[in-house]
N, C-alpha and C. Protein backbone atom coordinates (compact mmCIF):
# COMPACT_ATOMS: atom_id res chain seq x y z
N MET A 1 -72.55 20.70 16.61
CA MET A 1 -71.28 21.26 16.12
C MET A 1 -71.50 22.53 15.32
N LYS A 2 -72.53 22.50 14.45
CA LYS A 2 -72.81 23.68 13.64
C LYS A 2 -73.15 24.89 14.52
N LYS A 3 -73.89 24.59 15.62
CA LYS A 3 -74.27 25.69 16.52
C LYS A 3 -73.03 26.29 17.18
N ILE A 4 -72.10 25.41 17.56
CA ILE A 4 -70.86 25.90 18.20
C ILE A 4 -70.07 26.77 17.25
N ILE A 5 -69.94 26.30 16.00
CA ILE A 5 -69.22 27.08 14.99
C ILE A 5 -69.89 28.43 14.77
N ALA A 6 -71.21 28.43 14.73
CA ALA A 6 -71.96 29.67 14.53
C ALA A 6 -71.70 30.65 15.66
N VAL A 7 -71.66 30.13 16.89
CA VAL A 7 -71.40 31.00 18.05
C VAL A 7 -70.01 31.59 17.96
N ILE A 8 -69.03 30.76 17.57
CA ILE A 8 -67.65 31.24 17.44
C ILE A 8 -67.54 32.33 16.40
N VAL A 9 -68.20 32.12 15.25
CA VAL A 9 -68.17 33.11 14.17
C VAL A 9 -68.79 34.42 14.63
N CYS A 10 -69.95 34.34 15.30
CA CYS A 10 -70.63 35.55 15.79
C CYS A 10 -69.75 36.29 16.80
N THR A 11 -69.09 35.51 17.67
CA THR A 11 -68.22 36.13 18.67
C THR A 11 -67.07 36.87 18.02
N MET A 12 -66.47 36.23 16.98
CA MET A 12 -65.35 36.86 16.27
C MET A 12 -65.81 38.12 15.57
N MET A 13 -67.01 38.08 15.01
CA MET A 13 -67.54 39.27 14.33
C MET A 13 -67.78 40.39 15.33
N SER A 14 -68.25 40.04 16.55
CA SER A 14 -68.48 41.05 17.58
C SER A 14 -67.17 41.70 17.99
N PHE A 15 -66.11 40.86 18.16
CA PHE A 15 -64.81 41.42 18.50
C PHE A 15 -64.30 42.32 17.40
N GLY A 16 -64.56 41.93 16.16
CA GLY A 16 -64.12 42.74 15.02
C GLY A 16 -64.80 44.09 15.03
N ALA A 17 -66.11 44.11 15.31
CA ALA A 17 -66.85 45.37 15.35
C ALA A 17 -66.36 46.25 16.50
N ALA A 18 -66.10 45.61 17.65
CA ALA A 18 -65.61 46.37 18.81
C ALA A 18 -64.26 46.98 18.53
N ASN A 19 -63.38 46.20 17.88
CA ASN A 19 -62.05 46.71 17.54
C ASN A 19 -62.14 47.88 16.58
N ALA A 20 -63.08 47.78 15.63
CA ALA A 20 -63.26 48.87 14.67
C ALA A 20 -63.72 50.13 15.37
N GLN A 21 -64.65 49.98 16.35
CA GLN A 21 -65.13 51.15 17.09
C GLN A 21 -64.01 51.74 17.93
N LEU A 22 -63.20 50.87 18.58
CA LEU A 22 -62.09 51.35 19.38
C LEU A 22 -61.07 52.07 18.52
N SER A 23 -60.81 51.52 17.35
CA SER A 23 -59.87 52.16 16.43
C SER A 23 -60.36 53.54 16.03
N GLY A 24 -61.67 53.65 15.78
CA GLY A 24 -62.23 54.94 15.41
C GLY A 24 -62.11 55.94 16.53
N LEU A 25 -62.35 55.48 17.78
CA LEU A 25 -62.23 56.36 18.93
C LEU A 25 -60.81 56.85 19.10
N LEU A 26 -59.85 55.92 18.95
CA LEU A 26 -58.45 56.30 19.10
C LEU A 26 -58.03 57.31 18.03
N ASP A 27 -58.54 57.13 16.81
CA ASP A 27 -58.23 58.08 15.74
C ASP A 27 -58.71 59.48 16.11
N LYS A 28 -59.93 59.54 16.69
CA LYS A 28 -60.48 60.84 17.07
C LYS A 28 -59.68 61.47 18.19
N VAL A 29 -59.30 60.65 19.19
CA VAL A 29 -58.53 61.16 20.31
C VAL A 29 -57.17 61.63 19.87
N THR A 30 -56.52 60.80 19.01
CA THR A 30 -55.21 61.17 18.51
C THR A 30 -55.27 62.46 17.72
N SER A 31 -56.31 62.60 16.92
CA SER A 31 -56.48 63.82 16.14
C SER A 31 -56.67 65.02 17.04
N ALA A 32 -57.41 64.83 18.15
CA ALA A 32 -57.71 65.94 19.04
C ALA A 32 -56.50 66.35 19.86
N THR A 33 -55.61 65.38 20.18
CA THR A 33 -54.51 65.67 21.08
C THR A 33 -53.16 65.82 20.40
N SER A 34 -53.05 65.44 19.14
CA SER A 34 -51.74 65.49 18.49
C SER A 34 -51.36 66.90 18.10
N GLY A 35 -52.32 67.75 17.79
CA GLY A 35 -52.02 69.12 17.44
C GLY A 35 -51.65 69.91 18.67
N ASN A 36 -50.68 70.82 18.57
CA ASN A 36 -50.22 71.58 19.72
C ASN A 36 -50.74 73.01 19.71
N SER A 37 -51.74 73.32 18.88
CA SER A 37 -52.23 74.68 18.78
C SER A 37 -53.27 75.00 19.82
N THR A 38 -53.74 74.02 20.55
CA THR A 38 -54.78 74.30 21.55
C THR A 38 -54.68 73.34 22.71
N LEU A 39 -55.07 73.82 23.90
CA LEU A 39 -55.11 72.98 25.08
C LEU A 39 -56.53 72.52 25.38
N SER A 40 -57.49 72.94 24.58
CA SER A 40 -58.89 72.68 24.89
C SER A 40 -59.48 71.56 24.04
N ALA A 41 -58.66 70.57 23.66
CA ALA A 41 -59.16 69.42 22.90
C ALA A 41 -59.84 68.46 23.88
N LEU A 42 -59.95 67.18 23.50
CA LEU A 42 -60.61 66.22 24.37
C LEU A 42 -59.95 66.16 25.74
N THR A 43 -58.63 66.20 25.77
CA THR A 43 -57.88 66.28 27.02
C THR A 43 -56.73 67.25 26.83
N GLY A 44 -56.20 67.76 27.94
CA GLY A 44 -55.05 68.64 27.87
C GLY A 44 -53.78 67.82 28.03
N ILE A 45 -52.89 67.88 27.05
CA ILE A 45 -51.64 67.15 27.09
C ILE A 45 -50.48 68.15 27.18
N ILE A 46 -49.65 67.99 28.19
CA ILE A 46 -48.51 68.88 28.35
C ILE A 46 -47.54 68.68 27.19
N SER A 47 -47.13 69.78 26.58
CA SER A 47 -46.25 69.72 25.41
C SER A 47 -45.05 70.63 25.60
N SER A 48 -43.89 70.15 25.19
CA SER A 48 -42.67 70.96 25.27
C SER A 48 -42.76 72.17 24.33
N LYS A 49 -43.60 72.05 23.31
CA LYS A 49 -43.76 73.15 22.36
C LYS A 49 -44.56 74.32 22.92
N LEU A 50 -45.21 74.10 24.06
CA LEU A 50 -46.04 75.15 24.66
C LEU A 50 -45.40 75.76 25.91
N ILE A 51 -44.15 75.42 26.18
CA ILE A 51 -43.46 76.01 27.33
C ILE A 51 -43.09 77.46 27.00
N PRO A 52 -43.51 78.42 27.83
CA PRO A 52 -43.19 79.83 27.55
C PRO A 52 -41.72 80.14 27.80
N THR A 53 -41.20 81.11 27.10
CA THR A 53 -39.84 81.57 27.35
C THR A 53 -39.83 82.48 28.58
N SER A 54 -38.64 82.82 29.04
CA SER A 54 -38.52 83.70 30.21
C SER A 54 -39.09 85.08 29.93
N THR A 55 -39.16 85.46 28.66
CA THR A 55 -39.74 86.75 28.29
C THR A 55 -41.26 86.65 28.18
N GLN A 56 -41.74 85.57 27.62
CA GLN A 56 -43.19 85.40 27.43
C GLN A 56 -43.96 85.32 28.73
N ILE A 57 -43.30 84.85 29.79
CA ILE A 57 -43.99 84.67 31.07
C ILE A 57 -44.16 85.98 31.82
N LEU A 58 -43.44 87.01 31.41
CA LEU A 58 -43.47 88.30 32.11
C LEU A 58 -44.84 88.97 32.00
N GLY A 59 -45.17 89.75 33.04
CA GLY A 59 -46.42 90.52 33.03
C GLY A 59 -47.40 90.03 34.08
N THR A 60 -48.59 90.61 34.05
CA THR A 60 -49.64 90.26 35.00
C THR A 60 -50.66 89.34 34.36
N TRP A 61 -50.87 88.19 35.01
CA TRP A 61 -51.78 87.17 34.51
C TRP A 61 -52.93 87.01 35.50
N THR A 62 -54.15 87.05 35.00
CA THR A 62 -55.34 87.01 35.85
C THR A 62 -56.05 85.66 35.75
N TYR A 63 -56.50 85.17 36.89
CA TYR A 63 -57.16 83.87 36.97
C TYR A 63 -58.45 83.83 36.16
N GLN A 64 -58.61 82.73 35.39
CA GLN A 64 -59.81 82.54 34.58
C GLN A 64 -60.62 81.32 35.04
N GLU A 65 -59.95 80.17 35.19
CA GLU A 65 -60.64 78.94 35.53
C GLU A 65 -59.63 77.86 35.91
N PRO A 66 -60.12 76.74 36.49
CA PRO A 66 -59.19 75.64 36.81
C PRO A 66 -58.65 75.01 35.53
N ALA A 67 -57.54 74.30 35.66
CA ALA A 67 -56.95 73.60 34.51
C ALA A 67 -56.50 72.22 34.95
N VAL A 68 -56.78 71.23 34.12
CA VAL A 68 -56.32 69.86 34.36
C VAL A 68 -55.61 69.37 33.12
N MET A 69 -54.41 68.82 33.27
CA MET A 69 -53.64 68.33 32.14
C MET A 69 -52.99 66.99 32.50
N PHE A 70 -52.52 66.30 31.45
CA PHE A 70 -51.85 65.02 31.63
C PHE A 70 -50.44 65.08 31.04
N THR A 71 -49.53 64.36 31.67
CA THR A 71 -48.15 64.33 31.19
C THR A 71 -47.97 63.33 30.07
N SER A 72 -48.89 62.37 29.93
CA SER A 72 -48.77 61.32 28.92
C SER A 72 -49.65 61.61 27.71
N ASP A 73 -49.15 61.24 26.52
CA ASP A 73 -49.95 61.42 25.30
C ASP A 73 -50.58 60.09 24.86
N ASN A 74 -50.67 59.15 25.78
CA ASN A 74 -51.31 57.87 25.48
C ASN A 74 -52.80 58.11 25.24
N ALA A 75 -53.23 57.96 23.99
CA ALA A 75 -54.60 58.34 23.61
C ALA A 75 -55.67 57.56 24.35
N LEU A 76 -55.49 56.27 24.47
CA LEU A 76 -56.50 55.45 25.14
C LEU A 76 -56.63 55.83 26.60
N LYS A 77 -55.51 56.02 27.26
CA LYS A 77 -55.53 56.38 28.67
C LYS A 77 -56.25 57.69 28.88
N ASN A 78 -55.96 58.68 28.04
CA ASN A 78 -56.56 60.00 28.23
C ASN A 78 -58.02 60.03 27.82
N ALA A 79 -58.41 59.18 26.85
CA ALA A 79 -59.82 59.10 26.50
C ALA A 79 -60.61 58.57 27.69
N ALA A 80 -60.06 57.57 28.37
CA ALA A 80 -60.72 57.02 29.55
C ALA A 80 -60.70 57.99 30.71
N SER A 81 -59.74 58.92 30.71
CA SER A 81 -59.58 59.84 31.83
C SER A 81 -60.35 61.14 31.65
N SER A 82 -60.97 61.36 30.50
CA SER A 82 -61.62 62.65 30.24
C SER A 82 -62.72 62.98 31.22
N LEU A 83 -63.52 61.97 31.62
CA LEU A 83 -64.59 62.20 32.58
C LEU A 83 -64.01 62.52 33.96
N ALA A 84 -62.95 61.81 34.33
CA ALA A 84 -62.30 62.08 35.61
C ALA A 84 -61.72 63.49 35.62
N MET A 85 -61.18 63.91 34.48
CA MET A 85 -60.62 65.24 34.36
C MET A 85 -61.69 66.30 34.62
N LYS A 86 -62.87 66.11 34.02
CA LYS A 86 -63.97 67.05 34.21
C LYS A 86 -64.43 67.06 35.66
N SER A 87 -64.44 65.89 36.30
CA SER A 87 -64.84 65.81 37.69
C SER A 87 -63.90 66.58 38.59
N VAL A 88 -62.60 66.45 38.32
CA VAL A 88 -61.60 67.17 39.10
C VAL A 88 -61.75 68.67 38.87
N GLU A 89 -61.95 69.08 37.61
CA GLU A 89 -62.13 70.50 37.31
C GLU A 89 -63.30 71.08 38.09
N THR A 90 -64.42 70.34 38.09
CA THR A 90 -65.63 70.81 38.79
C THR A 90 -65.38 70.95 40.28
N LYS A 91 -64.74 69.94 40.89
CA LYS A 91 -64.49 69.98 42.33
C LYS A 91 -63.47 71.05 42.67
N LEU A 92 -62.48 71.26 41.81
CA LEU A 92 -61.49 72.31 42.06
C LEU A 92 -62.14 73.68 41.96
N GLN A 93 -63.04 73.86 40.96
CA GLN A 93 -63.74 75.13 40.83
C GLN A 93 -64.57 75.42 42.08
N SER A 94 -65.24 74.40 42.60
CA SER A 94 -66.03 74.55 43.81
C SER A 94 -65.15 74.95 44.99
N TYR A 95 -63.99 74.30 45.10
CA TYR A 95 -63.06 74.62 46.19
C TYR A 95 -62.54 76.05 46.08
N LEU A 96 -62.10 76.43 44.88
CA LEU A 96 -61.55 77.77 44.68
C LEU A 96 -62.59 78.85 44.98
N THR A 97 -63.83 78.60 44.59
CA THR A 97 -64.90 79.56 44.88
C THR A 97 -65.10 79.72 46.38
N LYS A 98 -65.04 78.60 47.11
CA LYS A 98 -65.23 78.63 48.56
C LYS A 98 -64.13 79.42 49.27
N VAL A 99 -62.91 79.37 48.71
CA VAL A 99 -61.81 80.11 49.35
C VAL A 99 -61.64 81.51 48.75
N GLY A 100 -62.60 81.90 47.92
CA GLY A 100 -62.63 83.27 47.42
C GLY A 100 -61.84 83.54 46.15
N ILE A 101 -61.47 82.47 45.43
CA ILE A 101 -60.75 82.66 44.17
C ILE A 101 -61.72 82.43 43.01
N THR A 102 -62.12 83.51 42.38
CA THR A 102 -63.05 83.45 41.26
C THR A 102 -62.46 84.20 40.07
N LYS A 103 -63.08 84.04 38.92
CA LYS A 103 -62.57 84.63 37.69
C LYS A 103 -62.36 86.14 37.85
N GLY A 104 -61.13 86.56 37.58
CA GLY A 104 -60.82 87.99 37.59
C GLY A 104 -60.36 88.57 38.90
N ASN A 105 -60.48 87.83 40.03
CA ASN A 105 -60.14 88.46 41.32
C ASN A 105 -58.80 88.03 41.90
N MET A 106 -58.05 87.20 41.15
CA MET A 106 -56.70 86.85 41.58
C MET A 106 -55.75 86.98 40.40
N SER A 107 -54.56 87.50 40.64
CA SER A 107 -53.59 87.65 39.56
C SER A 107 -52.18 87.37 40.05
N VAL A 108 -51.32 87.00 39.11
CA VAL A 108 -49.91 86.76 39.40
C VAL A 108 -49.09 87.61 38.44
N THR A 109 -48.13 88.34 38.98
CA THR A 109 -47.26 89.19 38.15
C THR A 109 -45.84 88.67 38.21
N PHE A 110 -45.28 88.36 37.04
CA PHE A 110 -43.89 87.93 36.93
C PHE A 110 -43.08 89.11 36.41
N ASN A 111 -42.06 89.49 37.19
CA ASN A 111 -41.22 90.63 36.83
C ASN A 111 -39.89 90.18 36.22
N GLU A 112 -39.28 91.09 35.48
CA GLU A 112 -38.03 90.77 34.78
C GLU A 112 -36.89 90.46 35.75
N ASP A 113 -36.95 91.02 36.98
CA ASP A 113 -35.89 90.79 37.95
C ASP A 113 -36.06 89.48 38.72
N LYS A 114 -36.93 88.60 38.20
CA LYS A 114 -37.19 87.27 38.77
C LYS A 114 -37.93 87.34 40.12
N THR A 115 -38.69 88.40 40.32
CA THR A 115 -39.59 88.46 41.46
C THR A 115 -41.03 88.31 40.97
N PHE A 116 -41.93 87.93 41.87
CA PHE A 116 -43.33 87.81 41.50
C PHE A 116 -44.21 88.27 42.66
N THR A 117 -45.44 88.63 42.36
CA THR A 117 -46.41 88.98 43.38
C THR A 117 -47.74 88.30 43.06
N VAL A 118 -48.49 87.96 44.09
CA VAL A 118 -49.83 87.41 43.94
C VAL A 118 -50.81 88.38 44.56
N ASN A 119 -51.81 88.79 43.79
CA ASN A 119 -52.83 89.72 44.27
C ASN A 119 -54.20 89.07 44.26
N ARG A 120 -54.99 89.39 45.27
CA ARG A 120 -56.39 88.96 45.31
C ARG A 120 -57.24 90.17 45.62
N LYS A 121 -58.23 90.40 44.75
CA LYS A 121 -59.12 91.55 44.87
C LYS A 121 -58.33 92.85 44.94
N GLY A 122 -57.26 92.90 44.13
CA GLY A 122 -56.47 94.13 44.02
C GLY A 122 -55.45 94.35 45.11
N LYS A 123 -55.35 93.45 46.07
CA LYS A 123 -54.40 93.62 47.16
C LYS A 123 -53.36 92.50 47.14
N LYS A 124 -52.11 92.87 47.42
CA LYS A 124 -51.04 91.87 47.43
C LYS A 124 -51.20 90.94 48.63
N VAL A 125 -51.19 89.64 48.36
CA VAL A 125 -51.32 88.67 49.45
C VAL A 125 -50.01 87.94 49.71
N THR A 126 -49.14 87.89 48.71
CA THR A 126 -47.84 87.26 48.90
C THR A 126 -46.92 87.64 47.75
N SER A 127 -45.65 87.36 47.92
CA SER A 127 -44.66 87.67 46.88
C SER A 127 -43.45 86.77 47.08
N GLY A 128 -42.48 86.89 46.18
CA GLY A 128 -41.29 86.07 46.30
C GLY A 128 -40.44 86.15 45.05
N THR A 129 -39.63 85.14 44.84
CA THR A 129 -38.76 85.08 43.66
C THR A 129 -39.05 83.78 42.90
N TYR A 130 -38.66 83.76 41.64
CA TYR A 130 -38.88 82.56 40.84
C TYR A 130 -37.67 82.25 39.98
N THR A 131 -37.53 80.97 39.66
CA THR A 131 -36.47 80.52 38.75
C THR A 131 -37.10 79.60 37.71
N ILE A 132 -36.47 79.53 36.54
CA ILE A 132 -36.94 78.66 35.47
C ILE A 132 -35.83 77.68 35.13
N ASP A 133 -36.11 76.38 35.22
CA ASP A 133 -35.07 75.39 34.96
C ASP A 133 -34.98 75.05 33.47
N SER A 134 -34.09 74.14 33.14
CA SER A 134 -33.83 73.80 31.74
C SER A 134 -35.03 73.13 31.06
N ASN A 135 -35.94 72.57 31.85
CA ASN A 135 -37.14 71.94 31.29
C ASN A 135 -38.30 72.92 31.14
N GLY A 136 -38.09 74.14 31.62
CA GLY A 136 -39.15 75.14 31.54
C GLY A 136 -40.02 75.22 32.77
N ASP A 137 -39.83 74.30 33.75
CA ASP A 137 -40.61 74.35 34.98
C ASP A 137 -40.21 75.58 35.80
N VAL A 138 -41.19 76.13 36.50
CA VAL A 138 -40.96 77.34 37.30
C VAL A 138 -41.04 77.00 38.78
N THR A 139 -40.03 77.39 39.53
CA THR A 139 -40.04 77.21 40.98
C THR A 139 -40.31 78.55 41.65
N LEU A 140 -41.39 78.59 42.42
CA LEU A 140 -41.80 79.81 43.12
C LEU A 140 -41.36 79.72 44.58
N LYS A 141 -40.55 80.66 44.99
CA LYS A 141 -40.10 80.72 46.38
C LYS A 141 -40.83 81.87 47.06
N PHE A 142 -41.77 81.53 47.94
CA PHE A 142 -42.62 82.53 48.57
C PHE A 142 -41.95 83.13 49.81
N LYS A 143 -42.05 84.43 49.92
CA LYS A 143 -41.46 85.13 51.07
C LYS A 143 -42.14 84.67 52.36
N GLY A 144 -41.33 84.27 53.34
CA GLY A 144 -41.85 83.84 54.63
C GLY A 144 -42.38 82.42 54.65
N ARG A 145 -42.26 81.70 53.53
CA ARG A 145 -42.73 80.32 53.45
C ARG A 145 -41.54 79.37 53.31
N LYS A 146 -41.64 78.23 53.97
CA LYS A 146 -40.53 77.28 53.97
C LYS A 146 -40.44 76.47 52.69
N ASN A 147 -41.59 76.04 52.18
CA ASN A 147 -41.59 75.14 51.02
C ASN A 147 -41.90 75.88 49.72
N PRO A 148 -41.01 75.81 48.73
CA PRO A 148 -41.30 76.42 47.42
C PRO A 148 -42.30 75.59 46.65
N SER A 149 -42.85 76.15 45.60
CA SER A 149 -43.80 75.44 44.74
C SER A 149 -43.23 75.34 43.33
N LYS A 150 -43.13 74.11 42.83
CA LYS A 150 -42.66 73.90 41.47
C LYS A 150 -43.85 73.63 40.57
N VAL A 151 -43.98 74.42 39.51
CA VAL A 151 -45.13 74.31 38.62
C VAL A 151 -44.67 74.17 37.17
N THR A 152 -45.55 73.60 36.35
CA THR A 152 -45.28 73.45 34.92
C THR A 152 -46.15 74.45 34.16
N PRO A 153 -45.54 75.39 33.42
CA PRO A 153 -46.31 76.36 32.66
C PRO A 153 -46.51 75.93 31.21
N GLN A 154 -47.66 76.29 30.65
CA GLN A 154 -47.95 76.06 29.24
C GLN A 154 -48.61 77.33 28.70
N LEU A 155 -48.15 77.79 27.54
CA LEU A 155 -48.66 79.03 26.96
C LEU A 155 -49.38 78.72 25.65
N ASP A 156 -50.66 79.15 25.56
CA ASP A 156 -51.43 78.85 24.35
C ASP A 156 -52.52 79.88 24.14
N ASN A 157 -52.50 80.49 22.95
CA ASN A 157 -53.55 81.44 22.58
C ASN A 157 -53.83 82.50 23.64
N GLY A 158 -52.77 83.04 24.22
CA GLY A 158 -52.93 84.12 25.19
C GLY A 158 -53.17 83.68 26.60
N SER A 159 -53.28 82.37 26.83
CA SER A 159 -53.51 81.85 28.18
C SER A 159 -52.24 81.22 28.74
N LEU A 160 -51.99 81.45 30.01
CA LEU A 160 -50.88 80.80 30.70
C LEU A 160 -51.48 79.78 31.65
N VAL A 161 -51.24 78.49 31.37
CA VAL A 161 -51.73 77.42 32.22
C VAL A 161 -50.60 76.99 33.14
N VAL A 162 -50.88 77.00 34.45
CA VAL A 162 -49.88 76.65 35.45
C VAL A 162 -50.40 75.45 36.23
N VAL A 163 -49.72 74.30 36.10
CA VAL A 163 -50.20 73.08 36.75
C VAL A 163 -49.10 72.42 37.57
N MET A 164 -49.54 71.53 38.47
CA MET A 164 -48.61 70.79 39.33
C MET A 164 -49.23 69.46 39.69
N ASP A 165 -48.45 68.54 40.29
CA ASP A 165 -49.02 67.25 40.66
C ASP A 165 -49.70 67.33 42.02
N ALA A 166 -50.35 66.23 42.41
CA ALA A 166 -51.18 66.22 43.62
C ALA A 166 -50.39 66.55 44.88
N THR A 167 -49.15 66.08 44.95
CA THR A 167 -48.36 66.29 46.16
C THR A 167 -47.97 67.75 46.36
N LYS A 168 -48.03 68.55 45.29
CA LYS A 168 -47.61 69.95 45.37
C LYS A 168 -48.78 70.92 45.49
N LEU A 169 -50.00 70.45 45.19
CA LEU A 169 -51.15 71.34 45.15
C LEU A 169 -51.44 71.97 46.51
N LYS A 170 -51.42 71.17 47.56
CA LYS A 170 -51.72 71.68 48.90
C LYS A 170 -50.72 72.74 49.33
N ILE A 171 -49.44 72.48 49.06
CA ILE A 171 -48.39 73.45 49.41
C ILE A 171 -48.59 74.75 48.66
N PHE A 172 -48.92 74.65 47.37
CA PHE A 172 -49.13 75.84 46.55
C PHE A 172 -50.27 76.69 47.12
N MET A 173 -51.39 76.05 47.45
CA MET A 173 -52.54 76.79 47.97
C MET A 173 -52.22 77.42 49.33
N GLN A 174 -51.46 76.72 50.16
CA GLN A 174 -51.04 77.30 51.43
C GLN A 174 -50.14 78.51 51.20
N ASN A 175 -49.27 78.41 50.20
CA ASN A 175 -48.34 79.50 49.92
C ASN A 175 -49.03 80.78 49.46
N ILE A 176 -50.20 80.64 48.83
CA ILE A 176 -50.92 81.85 48.41
C ILE A 176 -51.98 82.26 49.43
N GLY A 177 -51.92 81.63 50.61
CA GLY A 177 -52.77 82.05 51.71
C GLY A 177 -54.17 81.49 51.71
N ALA A 178 -54.41 80.38 51.01
CA ALA A 178 -55.76 79.81 50.93
C ALA A 178 -55.95 78.72 51.99
N ASN A 179 -57.17 78.57 52.46
CA ASN A 179 -57.52 77.51 53.39
C ASN A 179 -57.54 76.18 52.63
N VAL A 180 -56.84 75.18 53.15
CA VAL A 180 -56.73 73.91 52.43
C VAL A 180 -57.52 72.78 53.09
N SER A 181 -58.35 73.11 54.07
CA SER A 181 -59.08 72.07 54.81
C SER A 181 -60.07 71.31 53.93
N GLN A 182 -60.54 71.91 52.83
CA GLN A 182 -61.51 71.26 51.96
C GLN A 182 -60.90 70.77 50.65
N LEU A 183 -59.59 70.63 50.64
CA LEU A 183 -58.89 70.26 49.41
C LEU A 183 -58.67 68.76 49.27
N SER A 184 -58.95 67.98 50.30
CA SER A 184 -58.61 66.55 50.31
C SER A 184 -59.30 65.76 49.20
N THR A 185 -60.55 66.11 48.87
CA THR A 185 -61.28 65.37 47.83
C THR A 185 -60.60 65.51 46.48
N VAL A 186 -60.19 66.74 46.16
CA VAL A 186 -59.52 66.99 44.89
C VAL A 186 -58.20 66.24 44.82
N VAL A 187 -57.43 66.30 45.90
CA VAL A 187 -56.12 65.64 45.94
C VAL A 187 -56.29 64.12 45.81
N SER A 188 -57.29 63.55 46.46
CA SER A 188 -57.54 62.11 46.38
C SER A 188 -57.87 61.68 44.96
N LEU A 189 -58.69 62.46 44.26
CA LEU A 189 -59.03 62.17 42.87
C LEU A 189 -57.79 62.22 41.99
N MET A 190 -56.94 63.21 42.23
CA MET A 190 -55.73 63.35 41.44
C MET A 190 -54.80 62.16 41.62
N LYS A 191 -54.68 61.70 42.86
CA LYS A 191 -53.76 60.59 43.13
C LYS A 191 -54.20 59.30 42.45
N SER A 192 -55.49 59.20 42.14
CA SER A 192 -56.00 57.99 41.48
C SER A 192 -55.75 58.00 39.98
N MET A 193 -55.29 59.13 39.44
CA MET A 193 -55.06 59.25 38.00
C MET A 193 -53.58 59.49 37.72
N ASP A 194 -52.90 58.51 37.18
CA ASP A 194 -51.48 58.64 36.86
C ASP A 194 -51.27 59.74 35.82
N GLY A 195 -50.27 60.57 36.06
CA GLY A 195 -49.90 61.58 35.09
C GLY A 195 -50.79 62.81 35.08
N MET A 196 -51.73 62.92 36.03
CA MET A 196 -52.60 64.10 36.06
C MET A 196 -51.92 65.24 36.80
N LYS A 197 -52.02 66.43 36.23
CA LYS A 197 -51.56 67.64 36.89
C LYS A 197 -52.71 68.64 36.89
N ILE A 198 -52.75 69.46 37.91
CA ILE A 198 -53.88 70.36 38.09
C ILE A 198 -53.39 71.75 38.49
N GLY A 199 -54.17 72.77 38.15
CA GLY A 199 -53.77 74.12 38.49
C GLY A 199 -54.77 75.13 38.00
N VAL A 200 -54.27 76.21 37.41
CA VAL A 200 -55.13 77.31 37.01
C VAL A 200 -54.78 77.81 35.61
N ARG A 201 -55.79 78.38 34.97
CA ARG A 201 -55.59 79.03 33.67
C ARG A 201 -55.65 80.53 33.88
N LEU A 202 -54.61 81.22 33.42
CA LEU A 202 -54.49 82.66 33.60
C LEU A 202 -54.46 83.36 32.25
N GLN A 203 -54.82 84.64 32.24
CA GLN A 203 -54.79 85.39 31.00
C GLN A 203 -54.42 86.84 31.26
N LYS A 204 -53.68 87.44 30.32
CA LYS A 204 -53.30 88.86 30.46
C LYS A 204 -54.49 89.75 30.14
């Protein structure tokens, strides 16, 4: 009987230690994601406070790197998803490089008359019109393309992050003239993560 009681006590102490460690981890994650001054914390969380105005989005924005963000601020979920996020970023970077999209060689220009152009290596590859809805999401209607692309913009420290969900990524890449035959791995990873959005980070 004494041995059984000892085992129970040890087990309870182990659970207590584990809970303390989990609590500490959650505190760190919450601290990293609760502030809205940066998107480069442990995970990227979409925030209404980072939605650009119709004036702030204007100008020419140049591609810097892939971006992965989550719609949920659930700390535990995003802590568990951080490795998956990095995996998606790496695979997306590999894909973009293969289709010729690298840092500095693609740009998007948003004009005041609600038109936009996409340039790669200094040459226009596509253009169209855009609208901004009440939630701040931007719908891009590409000239000569049937399906528009709806994206979520976030503005932080001079960077414009433009992301979308898995079902929209393929359409977006097709709309800017990219080969999508090697995109399936990235899309599959995205579909396995609830609330994940993926896209690009741009800078003026």
